[in-house]
Amino acid sequence: MNIIFMGTPDFAVPCLEALVKSGENVKAVFTQPDKPKGRGYKMIPTPVKVAAQNCGIDVYQPTSLRKGEDAQEALEVIKKISPDVIVVVAYGQILPEEILSIPKHGCINVHGSLLPKYRGAAPMQWCILNGEKVTGITTMLMDKGLDTGDMLIKREVAIGENDTFSELHDSLSAAGADVLLETIKALGDGTLVREKQNDEESTYSPMITKNMSLIDFSEPAYKIHNKIRAITGYAFMNGKRLKVFRSELGEGSSLETPGTVESVSDFTVVCGDGKLVKFTEVQPEGGKRLKVADFLRGNKIEKGTVLSSEQ
């Protein structure tokens, strides 16, 4: 089966590598253009581009698939290859109907949620933000809507109480590769079953913005904990920004003011519901990311210090 693969970030790499390792004929890879990064603004290739080049696969990086010369050239390449299927994993561009209609078996997307829940750009983050205990992978036959196509194969993945986005990302990325191979095999065998999505059960997961990471200590402890796990939280302590990468939920507190540091030995902070959140990994402004035990050895915090949402 001739396959074109479209993907960009780390999340998509296991899917591409699984296809190649299983012997599928990946004829070309489409990924986002290289981007400048770092102090020297050096152009950095996408993780999928690196993986494709390591596998000896031709790589195409159009700035758009919908308009301009790049789009026309991409369309001609795809038509020339005449793929049996296009596999899309976190590509970052919307495919026009003209491309969706080219492959014999359509375009298959690997989506990081149990559709129809959490359609959209940031399903993993929103699952954690909303305190979900289970999410998963859905392969889907793409249509012109946003994650609205017929579902193919699903697999559940558990979310631990303290799991962060990074850990869930890696779990779903690995699961995605397995589900994709299962889907491609069923497609080849003629046993793949399509299931329409129930739009009434759908939810949407929009892009995450930087301002969403600001911690509001008037919120309940579980919400603050979920924010830290999903998108990394930050607050201000003594006028300086403090990033919080990991946390745990604590018991209740006798202190009343949200944001107050109750214990300086393990960095527990009072939340709006009277319960505690315990910071376990932080980064002070201008400093390195540290386990809290290491942070506290070099930073004395007075009991009763109040963390704030304002500088």
Foldseek 3Di string as FASTA:
>chain_A
DEEEEAAFAPLQLLQVVLCVVVPHHDAEYEAAAFWQDDPVRDTDGTPNVVSCVVVVHHYQHQNACPDDPSVVVVLVVCLVSQAQEYEYEHRPYQHDVSNQPRHVNGYKYKDWFDPLEAFEDASLLVCLLVPPQKTWIWIFHDDNDGPQGWTWDIDMDGDDLFAASVRSSVVRSNRSNVVVVVRVVCVVVVNIDTHGGDPVPHDYDYDDDPVLQEDDQLDDQSNNQSSLRRPWHWWDFPRWIKTFNTKDWFAFDPDADGQFQADLQFGWTAGSVRTIITGQWMATVVGDIGGSNVVSVVDPDDGGGGIHSHD
